[in-house]
Protein backbone atom coordinates (compact mmCIF):
# COMPACT_ATOMS: atom_id res chain seq x y z
CA MET A 1 0.00 0.00 0.00
CA SER A 2 1.50 3.29 -1.01
CA ARG A 3 -0.58 5.41 1.36
CA ASP A 4 -0.30 5.65 5.14
CA ILE A 5 -3.84 4.52 6.04
CA CYS A 6 -5.29 4.83 9.55
CA VAL A 7 -5.70 1.41 11.14
CA HIS A 8 -7.40 2.34 14.42
CA THR A 9 -8.04 5.25 16.79
CA TRP A 10 -8.44 5.02 20.58
CA PRO A 11 -9.44 7.65 23.19
CA CYS A 12 -6.70 8.03 25.80
CA SER A 13 -4.56 10.53 27.75
CA TYR A 14 -0.98 11.57 27.06
CA TYR A 15 1.46 12.71 29.74
CA LEU A 16 3.25 16.02 29.08
CA GLU A 17 6.63 15.83 30.77
CA LEU A 18 7.27 19.58 30.80
CA GLU A 19 3.87 20.61 32.18
CA LYS A 20 3.51 17.55 34.43
CA GLN A 21 -0.08 16.87 33.43
CA TRP A 22 -2.24 14.43 31.46
CA VAL A 23 -3.89 15.70 28.27
CA PRO A 24 -6.99 13.94 26.88
CA GLY A 25 -7.06 13.12 23.18
CA LYS A 26 -6.95 10.32 20.65
CA LEU A 27 -4.14 7.93 19.78
CA SER A 28 -4.11 7.00 16.06
CA LEU A 29 -2.22 4.05 14.58
CA THR A 30 -1.42 3.95 10.88
CA SER A 31 0.45 1.32 8.94
CA LEU A 32 3.67 3.29 9.32
CA SER A 33 3.36 5.69 12.25
CA LEU A 34 1.76 6.54 15.59
CA LYS A 35 0.37 9.95 16.58
CA PHE A 36 -1.58 11.63 19.38
CA MET A 37 -4.01 14.54 18.86
CA THR A 38 -5.59 16.57 21.67
CA ASP A 39 -9.36 16.89 21.96
CA LYS A 40 -9.52 20.63 22.68
CA THR A 41 -7.02 22.25 20.31
CA ARG A 42 -6.74 19.36 17.79
CA GLU A 43 -2.98 19.79 18.08
CA ILE A 44 -0.71 16.85 17.23
CA LEU A 45 1.58 16.43 20.24
CA VAL A 46 3.24 13.19 19.16
CA ASN A 47 3.91 11.83 15.69
CA PHE A 48 6.69 9.32 15.09
CA PRO A 49 7.25 6.34 12.73
CA LEU A 50 6.94 2.78 13.97
CA SER A 51 10.49 2.14 12.77
CA SER A 52 11.82 4.48 15.49
CA ILE A 53 10.27 2.44 18.32
CA VAL A 54 12.72 0.48 20.46
CA GLU A 55 10.40 -0.90 23.14
CA ILE A 56 6.70 -1.11 23.99
CA LYS A 57 5.77 -1.97 27.59
CA LYS A 58 2.81 -2.13 29.96
CA GLU A 59 3.50 -0.02 33.04
CA ALA A 60 1.63 1.74 35.83
CA SER A 61 1.82 5.47 36.42
CA TYR A 62 2.05 6.38 40.12
CA PHE A 63 1.65 2.63 40.75
CA ILE A 64 -2.10 2.97 40.19
CA PHE A 65 -3.08 3.87 36.62
CA SER A 66 -2.41 1.27 33.93
CA SER A 67 -0.43 2.74 31.04
CA ILE A 68 1.50 1.93 27.89
CA THR A 69 5.00 3.29 27.48
CA ILE A 70 6.77 3.60 24.12
CA LEU A 71 10.52 4.20 23.96
CA GLU A 72 12.08 5.70 20.82
CA LYS A 73 15.61 5.41 19.51
CA ASP A 74 16.49 8.90 20.77
CA HIS A 75 15.45 7.75 24.30
CA ASN A 76 12.21 9.74 24.27
CA LYS A 77 9.66 7.92 26.41
CA HIS A 78 5.94 8.44 25.83
CA TRP A 79 3.22 7.62 28.37
CA PHE A 80 -0.36 6.78 27.33
CA SER A 81 -3.08 6.03 29.88
CA SER A 82 -6.92 5.79 30.21
CA LEU A 83 -6.93 3.70 27.07
CA GLN A 84 -10.29 2.57 25.69
CA PRO A 85 -11.63 -0.07 25.34
CA SER A 86 -8.72 -1.50 27.36
CA ARG A 87 -4.95 -1.32 27.65
CA ASN A 88 -4.50 -4.92 26.48
CA VAL A 89 -6.39 -4.30 23.24
CA VAL A 90 -4.36 -1.22 22.31
CA PHE A 91 -1.08 -2.87 23.30
CA SER A 92 -1.76 -6.04 21.28
CA ILE A 93 -2.63 -4.17 18.08
CA ILE A 94 0.27 -1.69 18.26
CA GLU A 95 2.75 -4.47 19.07
CA HIS A 96 1.46 -6.58 16.16
CA PHE A 97 1.99 -3.82 13.57
CA TRP A 98 5.37 -2.90 15.09
CA ARG A 99 6.64 -6.49 14.91
CA GLU A 100 5.36 -7.01 11.35
CA MET A 101 7.05 -3.78 10.28
CA LEU A 102 10.36 -4.93 11.82
CA LEU A 103 10.10 -8.31 10.08
CA SER A 104 9.39 -6.70 6.71
CA GLN A 105 12.27 -4.24 7.16
CA SER A 106 14.75 -6.97 8.08
CA GLY A 107 13.71 -9.04 5.07
CA ALA A 108 14.05 -6.07 2.75
CA ALA A 109 17.46 -5.17 4.22
CA VAL A 110 18.80 -8.70 3.65
CA GLU A 111 17.49 -8.68 0.10
CA GLU A 112 19.08 -5.30 -0.67
CA SER A 113 22.42 -6.22 0.88
CA SER A 114 22.61 -9.48 -1.07
CA SER A 115 22.56 -7.84 -4.51
CA PRO A 116 21.67 -4.46 -6.02
CA MET A 117 18.22 -4.27 -7.61
CA THR A 118 18.31 -4.02 -11.39
CA LYS A 119 15.46 -3.46 -13.79
CA GLY A 120 15.52 -7.09 -14.82
CA LYS A 121 15.39 -8.33 -11.22
CA GLU A 122 12.55 -5.93 -10.47
CA LEU A 123 10.58 -7.31 -13.42
CA THR A 124 11.43 -10.84 -12.33
CA GLY A 125 10.05 -10.06 -8.87
CA LEU A 126 6.88 -8.64 -10.40
CA MET A 127 6.46 -11.73 -12.55
CA ALA A 128 6.95 -14.01 -9.52
CA CYS A 129 4.35 -12.00 -7.58
CA THR A 130 1.91 -12.20 -10.49
CA GLN A 131 2.56 -15.93 -10.88
CA LYS A 132 1.79 -16.49 -7.18
CA ARG A 133 -1.49 -14.57 -7.50
CA LEU A 134 -2.41 -16.59 -10.59
CA GLU A 135 -1.64 -19.84 -8.77
CA ASP A 136 -3.84 -18.78 -5.83
CA THR A 137 -6.67 -17.87 -8.20
CA ALA A 138 -6.21 -21.14 -10.12
CA ARG A 139 -6.54 -23.17 -6.92
CA VAL A 140 -9.75 -21.34 -6.02
CA LEU A 141 -11.17 -21.76 -9.53
CA HIS A 142 -10.19 -25.44 -9.54
CA HIS A 143 -12.10 -25.99 -6.32
CA GLN A 144 -15.10 -24.10 -7.71
CA GLY A 145 -14.98 -26.28 -10.84
CA GLU A 146 -15.00 -29.41 -8.68
CA GLN A 147 -18.02 -28.06 -6.82
CA LEU A 148 -19.84 -27.43 -10.12
CA ASP A 149 -19.01 -30.96 -11.27
CA SER A 150 -20.38 -32.31 -7.99
CA ILE A 151 -23.57 -30.28 -8.44
CA SER A 152 -23.93 -31.58 -11.99
CA ARG A 153 -23.56 -35.19 -10.82
CA GLY A 154 -26.10 -34.55 -8.07
CA LEU A 155 -28.56 -33.17 -10.60
CA ASP A 156 -28.07 -36.26 -12.79
CA LYS A 157 -28.81 -38.50 -9.82
CA MET A 158 -31.92 -36.46 -8.98
CA GLU A 159 -33.11 -36.82 -12.57
CA SER A 160 -32.59 -40.59 -12.41
CA ASP A 161 -34.52 -40.78 -9.13
CA LEU A 162 -37.34 -38.73 -10.64
CA ASP A 163 -37.58 -41.20 -13.56
CA VAL A 164 -37.89 -44.10 -11.11
CA ALA A 165 -40.53 -42.23 -9.10
CA ASP A 166 -42.46 -41.47 -12.28
CA ARG A 167 -42.54 -45.14 -13.26
CA LEU A 168 -43.68 -46.12 -9.76
CA LEU A 169 -46.49 -43.57 -9.86
CA THR A 170 -47.56 -44.85 -13.26
CA GLU A 171 -47.79 -48.37 -11.87
CA LEU A 172 -49.84 -47.16 -8.89
CA GLU A 173 -52.26 -45.31 -11.17
CA SER A 174 -52.87 -48.55 -13.19
CA PRO A 175 -53.74 -51.44 -10.78
CA SER A 176 -52.15 -54.80 -11.47
CA TRP A 177 -55.55 -56.54 -11.80
CA TRP A 178 -56.58 -54.19 -14.67
CA PRO A 179 -56.22 -56.28 -17.84
CA PHE A 180 -54.99 -53.39 -20.00
CA SER A 181 -52.45 -52.07 -17.56
CA PHE A 182 -48.76 -51.97 -18.29
CA LYS A 183 -46.71 -53.52 -15.50
CA LEU A 184 -43.09 -52.74 -15.03
CA TRP A 185 -41.79 -56.23 -14.54
CA LYS A 186 -38.18 -55.15 -14.23
CA MET A 187 -37.42 -52.15 -12.11
CA PRO A 188 -33.99 -50.57 -12.54
CA SER A 189 -31.84 -51.34 -9.53
CA GLU A 190 -30.68 -48.34 -7.59
CA THR A 191 -27.06 -47.83 -8.35
CA LYS A 192 -24.73 -46.23 -5.92
CA PRO A 193 -23.22 -43.04 -7.33
CA LYS A 194 -19.63 -43.34 -8.36
CA TRP A 195 -18.69 -39.83 -7.41
CA ASP A 196 -18.17 -40.47 -3.70
CA ALA A 197 -14.45 -40.99 -4.21
CA SER A 198 -14.10 -37.80 -6.25
CA MET A 199 -15.98 -35.85 -3.59
CA ALA A 200 -13.69 -37.27 -0.92
CA SER A 201 -10.65 -36.29 -2.92
CA SER A 202 -12.12 -32.82 -3.40
CA LYS A 203 -12.67 -32.50 0.33
CA ALA A 204 -9.14 -33.65 1.06
CA PHE A 205 -7.80 -31.22 -1.51
CA GLY A 206 -9.71 -28.41 0.15
CA LYS A 207 -8.26 -29.16 3.58
CA GLU A 208 -4.71 -29.34 2.30
CA GLY A 209 -4.94 -26.53 -0.25
CA ILE A 210 -3.71 -23.58 1.82
CA VAL A 211 -3.96 -20.35 -0.16
CA ILE A 212 -2.42 -17.95 2.38
CA LYS A 213 -1.66 -17.78 6.10
CA ILE A 214 -1.17 -14.53 8.07
CA PRO A 215 -0.73 -13.49 11.73
CA ALA A 216 -3.62 -11.50 13.18
CA VAL A 217 -5.10 -9.99 16.33
CA ILE A 218 -8.43 -11.74 16.96
CA SER A 219 -11.49 -10.61 18.91
CA GLN A 220 -14.86 -12.29 19.36
CA LYS A 221 -18.17 -10.70 20.42
CA THR A 222 -16.58 -7.70 22.17
CA GLU A 223 -13.54 -5.64 21.20
CA SER A 224 -12.36 -5.43 24.82
CA HIS A 225 -10.87 -8.95 24.68
CA VAL A 226 -8.31 -9.68 21.97
CA LYS A 227 -5.70 -12.36 21.52
CA PRO A 228 -2.92 -12.95 18.99
CA GLY A 229 -3.36 -15.73 16.48
CA ARG A 230 -3.48 -16.39 12.77
CA LEU A 231 -5.92 -16.60 9.87
CA THR A 232 -5.56 -19.39 7.31
CA VAL A 233 -7.39 -19.22 3.97
CA PHE A 234 -8.15 -22.56 2.32
CA VAL A 235 -9.85 -23.16 -1.00
CA SER A 236 -12.67 -24.79 0.98
CA GLY A 237 -13.00 -22.34 3.87
CA LEU A 238 -11.31 -20.32 6.61
CA GLU A 239 -9.60 -21.32 9.86
CA ILE A 240 -8.78 -19.19 12.89
CA HIS A 241 -6.08 -20.38 15.31
CA ASN A 242 -4.78 -18.87 18.53
CA SER A 243 -1.12 -18.20 19.34
CA ASP A 244 -0.68 -21.82 20.50
CA SER A 245 -1.81 -23.10 17.05
CA LEU A 246 -5.05 -24.45 18.55
CA LEU A 247 -8.07 -24.25 16.27
CA MET A 248 -10.59 -21.67 17.51
CA HIS A 249 -13.09 -22.07 14.67
CA ARG A 250 -13.34 -23.29 11.09
CA PHE A 251 -15.69 -21.68 8.60
CA GLU A 252 -16.63 -23.92 5.72
CA ARG A 253 -17.04 -22.05 2.45
CA GLU A 254 -20.84 -22.38 2.44
CA GLU A 255 -21.10 -21.49 6.15
CA VAL A 256 -19.77 -17.94 5.75
CA ASP A 257 -22.76 -15.58 5.53
CA ASP A 258 -20.95 -12.25 5.25
CA ILE A 259 -17.48 -10.74 5.39
CA LYS A 260 -17.20 -7.01 6.14
CA VAL A 261 -14.04 -5.08 5.32
CA HIS A 262 -13.90 -2.26 7.87
CA THR A 263 -10.45 -0.97 6.87
CA PRO A 264 -7.71 -2.36 4.62
CA TYR A 265 -6.32 -3.98 7.79
CA GLU A 266 -9.50 -5.09 9.57
CA ILE A 267 -12.27 -7.52 8.61
CA SER A 268 -15.13 -9.33 10.37
CA ILE A 269 -16.48 -12.79 9.49
CA ARG A 270 -19.95 -13.96 10.53
CA GLN A 271 -22.00 -17.14 10.37
CA ARG A 272 -25.72 -16.67 11.09
CA PHE A 273 -27.94 -19.06 13.04
CA ILE A 274 -31.65 -19.26 13.83
CA GLY A 275 -32.49 -19.67 17.50
CA LYS A 276 -28.94 -19.24 18.78
CA PRO A 277 -26.23 -16.54 18.71
CA ASP A 278 -24.24 -15.95 15.54
CA ILE A 279 -20.56 -16.86 15.34
CA ALA A 280 -18.54 -13.74 14.51
CA TYR A 281 -14.85 -12.92 14.59
CA ARG A 282 -13.05 -9.63 14.04
CA LEU A 283 -9.46 -9.74 12.77
CA ILE A 284 -6.81 -7.04 12.45
CA SER A 285 -3.54 -7.74 10.66
CA ALA A 286 -0.75 -5.83 8.95
CA LYS A 287 -0.88 -8.49 6.19
CA MET A 288 -4.62 -8.14 5.63
CA PRO A 289 -4.24 -6.23 2.29
CA GLU A 290 -2.76 -9.46 0.86
CA VAL A 291 -5.76 -11.53 1.97
CA ILE A 292 -8.64 -9.25 0.94
CA PRO A 293 -8.17 -9.77 -2.86
CA ILE A 294 -8.28 -13.54 -2.31
CA LEU A 295 -11.44 -13.25 -0.21
CA GLU A 296 -12.97 -11.18 -3.01
CA VAL A 297 -12.47 -14.11 -5.39
CA GLN A 298 -13.74 -16.76 -2.96
CA PHE A 299 -16.66 -14.81 -1.47
CA SER A 300 -17.50 -12.33 -4.21
CA LYS A 301 -21.23 -12.21 -3.29
CA LYS A 302 -20.71 -12.19 0.47
CA ILE A 303 -17.96 -9.59 0.94
CA GLU A 304 -18.88 -5.97 1.69
CA PHE A 305 -16.57 -2.96 1.74
CA LEU A 306 -17.51 -0.35 4.32
CA GLU A 307 -16.87 3.35 3.86
CA ASP A 308 -13.40 3.39 5.44
CA ALA A 309 -12.29 0.48 3.27
CA LEU A 310 -13.35 1.90 -0.10
CA MET A 311 -9.89 3.48 -0.48
CA LEU A 312 -8.50 -0.05 -0.74
CA ARG A 313 -10.12 -0.50 -4.14
CA SER A 314 -8.93 2.89 -5.36
CA THR A 315 -5.32 2.05 -4.47
CA ARG A 316 -5.56 -1.55 -5.69
CA THR A 317 -4.77 -0.63 -9.30
CA SER A 318 -1.75 1.52 -8.45
CA PRO A 319 1.97 0.69 -7.95
CA LEU A 320 2.54 -3.05 -7.78
CA ALA A 321 -0.94 -4.23 -8.78
CA GLU A 322 -0.95 -2.32 -12.06
CA LYS A 323 2.51 -3.54 -12.92
CA GLY A 324 1.66 -7.07 -11.94
CA TYR A 325 -1.42 -7.05 -14.14
CA SER A 326 0.45 -6.07 -17.29
CA VAL A 327 3.84 -7.48 -16.37
CA TRP A 328 3.94 -9.98 -19.23
CA HIS A 329 3.41 -7.28 -21.87
CA ALA A 330 5.75 -4.86 -20.11
CA ALA A 331 8.48 -7.45 -19.77
CA SER A 332 8.25 -8.56 -23.39
CA GLY A 333 8.26 -4.97 -24.63
CA LEU A 334 11.23 -4.04 -22.48
CA LEU A 335 13.10 -7.14 -23.61
CA ASP A 336 12.52 -6.24 -27.25
CA GLN A 337 13.85 -2.74 -26.62
CA ALA A 338 16.87 -3.96 -24.71
CA MET A 339 17.84 -6.91 -26.92
CA HIS A 340 16.91 -5.69 -30.40
CA CYS A 341 17.77 -2.01 -30.13
CA GLU A 342 20.46 -1.25 -32.77
CA PRO A 343 22.13 2.10 -33.54
CA SER A 344 20.70 3.92 -36.54
CA SER A 345 22.88 5.10 -39.39
CA GLY A 346 24.49 8.50 -38.99
CA ASN A 347 23.32 9.88 -42.35
CA GLN A 348 19.61 9.21 -41.67
CA GLU A 349 17.92 12.61 -41.98
CA GLY A 350 21.29 14.18 -41.22
CA ARG A 351 21.19 13.27 -37.54
CA PRO A 352 24.42 12.13 -35.80
CA LEU A 353 24.80 8.83 -34.09
CA GLN A 354 23.24 9.22 -30.62
CA LEU A 355 23.32 5.70 -29.21
CA GLN A 356 26.60 5.11 -27.43
CA MET A 357 27.99 1.96 -25.85
CA SER A 358 26.87 2.10 -22.23
CA GLU A 359 25.70 -0.20 -19.48
CA PRO A 360 22.76 -2.28 -20.80
CA LEU A 361 19.34 -1.75 -19.26
CA ILE A 362 19.00 -5.48 -18.58
CA SER A 363 21.88 -7.91 -18.31
CA GLU A 364 21.96 -11.09 -20.35
CA GLY A 365 21.41 -13.18 -17.22
CA ASP A 366 18.29 -11.19 -16.28
CA SER A 367 16.91 -11.39 -19.82
CA GLN A 368 17.51 -15.15 -19.92
CA GLU A 369 15.71 -15.53 -16.58
CA LEU A 370 12.81 -13.42 -17.85
CA ARG A 371 12.51 -15.52 -21.02
CA GLN A 372 12.49 -18.73 -18.94
CA GLU A 373 9.75 -17.28 -16.67
CA SER A 374 7.63 -16.26 -19.70
CA GLU A 375 8.02 -19.70 -21.27
């Protein structure tokens, strides 16, 4: 995501060290930073990136009031108290985004230190990303095709059963003692459908076919109780596990009634019941923008984007997504320019030779790798 989108906002109080007093306001977490704004003057007292955080702790101010302290690299310590709905909720969400940001930064640093990024490697990365998205979509479509085949076989069996029922009704309408009646001496034996094995294989494929797995902060019923865990997307449904890898709930594909996207980083999943409470989970994750496009494919008629999440669709076609969509054409065009570009003659329209021998845009190794990927 190219924009710093607000993830969550909590009412709280911030301690001013110079004035020795607590100031009421709102603490806002974005995907890249943390800031505090006062209620009265709307002044931003604190605004720092998550990358500058060294430590996040739960402490007590004056040994009474529960607080969260955040220590920066320059040894500035910030105190936040009177957090709503609770200190544990705010701490869990901020810590989750801070840790995910550190993991992504460390991975990017290792990748940059290993080798400098060239245009060919950038295109190769885009092609790999596009290939992964296509594979995920292919798995989902494959499972949907198996479901359609199963429905078709079920309809064929229903039609066969209806034919048998029709013949039985015809026999009942014409009694056996009636001399002109037609008696079905040989009834077709009921054959067991042969698609049980294929359905079993489809079910097994669904359980093993993991599309994506992400860490998340999970809440159920109320937002005042959250716990770390993970969300796993299968081609046949969704699974929610806690931090100990214990299954909290599994949603089969047909059991999901609605999925609401509150923000690009927060979704809620619900299964309705009649006569008993619904099962609903709310999940917040820094990796949620990677999951939402997959959920759109799987649950296209059940997913709903709320007002704060509409910006996700507007930014979906920018930066990486746009390049990933047309990467095959872009790569082939760039290869043609790089590999088949020859200097023009100097006497053409009287213009001098402008193309000089310089460093190629794409090395031969990168171009060979691109051609292998496209093939």
